Amino acid sequence: QVQLVESGGGLVQAGGSLRLSCTVSQRILELSVMGWYRQAPGKQREMVATLNVGERTNYADSVKGRFTISRDNEKNTLYLQMNMLKPEDTAVYYCATDPYNLKRWNYWGQGTQVTVSS
């Protein structure tokens, strides 16, 4: 059972930055794919960014050039650096893992709220 705990959300003005963290309960390199998803009110959950053990990244078009996903293997922590935030980035952000790279995101954190004011 993998446990994921997010932190770092909050309220920020448009154009500002936040860094989200996701602490993982086991060695992060044992998990094939890690990712960040988000869900805004009234909308479906959407992928924001993913990172696999080979350091390959994938980003939603809406965040390319503004967000960066990374990890600290020693701390077993996943990060999402969010710059140039926009009001449309407002959502609950979730950390998740597809541990065997089977397109099955089996484990999720509880989410952290990010609110961007205009």
Protein backbone atom coordinates (compact mmCIF):
# COMPACT_ATOMS: atom_id res chain seq x y z
CA GLN A 1 0.00 0.00 0.00
CA VAL A 2 1.54 3.27 -1.15
CA GLN A 3 0.69 6.39 0.82
CA LEU A 4 0.97 9.80 -0.76
CA VAL A 5 0.69 13.06 1.17
CA GLU A 6 0.53 16.40 -0.63
CA SER A 7 1.40 19.79 0.79
CA GLY A 8 2.16 23.29 -0.41
CA GLY A 9 -1.18 24.47 -1.71
CA GLY A 10 -2.60 27.86 -0.88
CA LEU A 11 -3.87 31.18 -2.15
CA VAL A 12 -1.73 33.15 -4.59
CA GLN A 13 -2.25 36.06 -6.94
CA ALA A 14 -2.18 35.60 -10.67
CA GLY A 15 1.40 35.61 -11.92
CA GLY A 16 2.69 34.15 -8.68
CA SER A 17 4.31 30.82 -7.89
CA LEU A 18 3.75 27.82 -5.66
CA ARG A 19 5.58 24.56 -5.15
CA LEU A 20 3.60 21.46 -4.30
CA SER A 21 5.22 18.51 -2.56
CA CYS A 22 4.15 14.88 -2.37
CA THR A 23 5.79 12.66 0.21
CA VAL A 24 5.81 8.98 -0.73
CA SER A 25 5.77 6.17 1.84
CA GLN A 26 8.25 4.01 -0.04
CA ARG A 27 11.26 4.42 -2.32
CA ILE A 28 10.02 6.66 -5.09
CA LEU A 29 12.23 4.93 -7.65
CA GLU A 30 10.21 1.72 -7.08
CA LEU A 31 7.22 3.44 -8.66
CA SER A 32 7.31 3.50 -12.44
CA VAL A 33 5.30 6.63 -13.00
CA MET A 34 4.42 9.51 -10.70
CA GLY A 35 2.12 12.33 -11.58
CA TRP A 36 0.09 15.35 -10.64
CA TYR A 37 -3.57 15.67 -11.49
CA ARG A 38 -6.06 18.42 -10.72
CA GLN A 39 -9.79 18.86 -10.48
CA ALA A 40 -11.55 22.18 -10.67
CA PRO A 41 -15.13 22.65 -9.43
CA GLY A 42 -17.60 21.18 -11.88
CA LYS A 43 -14.89 19.72 -14.08
CA GLN A 44 -13.35 16.32 -14.57
CA ARG A 45 -10.01 15.43 -13.09
CA GLU A 46 -7.22 16.08 -15.57
CA MET A 47 -3.58 15.17 -15.86
CA VAL A 48 -1.18 18.02 -15.17
CA ALA A 49 2.24 16.37 -15.38
CA THR A 50 3.85 12.96 -15.17
CA LEU A 51 7.38 11.73 -14.54
CA ASN A 52 8.68 8.20 -15.00
CA VAL A 53 11.74 6.49 -13.57
CA GLY A 54 13.60 7.24 -16.78
CA GLU A 55 13.10 10.96 -16.14
CA ARG A 56 10.69 11.29 -19.06
CA THR A 57 8.14 14.01 -18.41
CA ASN A 58 4.77 14.78 -19.91
CA TYR A 59 2.75 17.95 -19.42
CA ALA A 60 -0.74 19.11 -20.22
CA ASP A 61 -0.64 21.73 -22.95
CA SER A 62 -2.20 24.26 -20.60
CA VAL A 63 0.79 24.16 -18.21
CA LYS A 64 3.73 23.65 -20.57
CA GLY A 65 6.42 26.23 -19.98
CA ARG A 66 4.95 27.22 -16.61
CA PHE A 67 4.98 24.04 -14.48
CA THR A 68 7.86 21.67 -13.77
CA ILE A 69 7.59 18.20 -12.26
CA SER A 70 10.59 16.77 -10.45
CA ARG A 71 11.53 14.43 -7.64
CA ASP A 72 14.07 14.07 -4.88
CA ASN A 73 15.02 10.41 -4.70
CA GLU A 74 16.72 10.77 -1.32
CA LYS A 75 13.65 12.37 0.23
CA ASN A 76 11.16 10.19 -1.67
CA THR A 77 9.31 13.33 -2.60
CA LEU A 78 7.65 14.49 -5.80
CA TYR A 79 7.36 18.18 -6.60
CA LEU A 80 5.36 20.42 -8.87
CA GLN A 81 6.81 23.88 -9.34
CA MET A 82 4.08 26.16 -10.64
CA ASN A 83 5.04 29.55 -12.06
CA MET A 84 3.04 32.28 -13.80
CA LEU A 85 -0.12 30.96 -12.21
CA LYS A 86 -3.46 31.85 -13.73
CA PRO A 87 -6.96 31.89 -12.22
CA GLU A 88 -7.81 28.88 -14.39
CA ASP A 89 -5.17 26.88 -12.51
CA THR A 90 -7.43 26.98 -9.45
CA ALA A 91 -8.20 23.38 -8.47
CA VAL A 92 -7.52 20.63 -6.00
CA TYR A 93 -4.18 19.09 -6.96
CA TYR A 94 -3.57 15.40 -6.42
CA CYS A 95 -0.41 13.35 -6.39
CA ALA A 96 -0.77 9.87 -7.84
CA THR A 97 1.23 6.88 -8.95
CA ASP A 98 0.94 4.27 -11.69
CA PRO A 99 3.41 1.98 -9.98
CA TYR A 100 3.79 -0.61 -12.74
CA ASN A 101 3.28 1.67 -15.75
CA LEU A 102 0.03 -0.09 -16.65
CA LYS A 103 -2.03 3.08 -17.09
CA ARG A 104 -3.61 2.29 -13.73
CA TRP A 105 -3.28 5.10 -11.27
CA ASN A 106 -3.81 2.95 -8.23
CA TYR A 107 -2.76 5.30 -5.45
CA TRP A 108 -3.78 8.86 -4.77
CA GLY A 109 -3.12 11.49 -2.17
CA GLN A 110 -5.84 13.42 -0.40
CA GLY A 111 -5.31 16.55 -2.50
CA THR A 112 -4.23 20.09 -1.79
CA GLN A 113 -6.17 23.21 -2.74
CA VAL A 114 -4.59 25.78 -5.02
CA THR A 115 -6.48 29.04 -5.49
CA VAL A 116 -5.26 31.74 -7.87
CA SER A 117 -6.89 35.13 -7.55
CA SER A 118 -7.13 37.57 -10.43
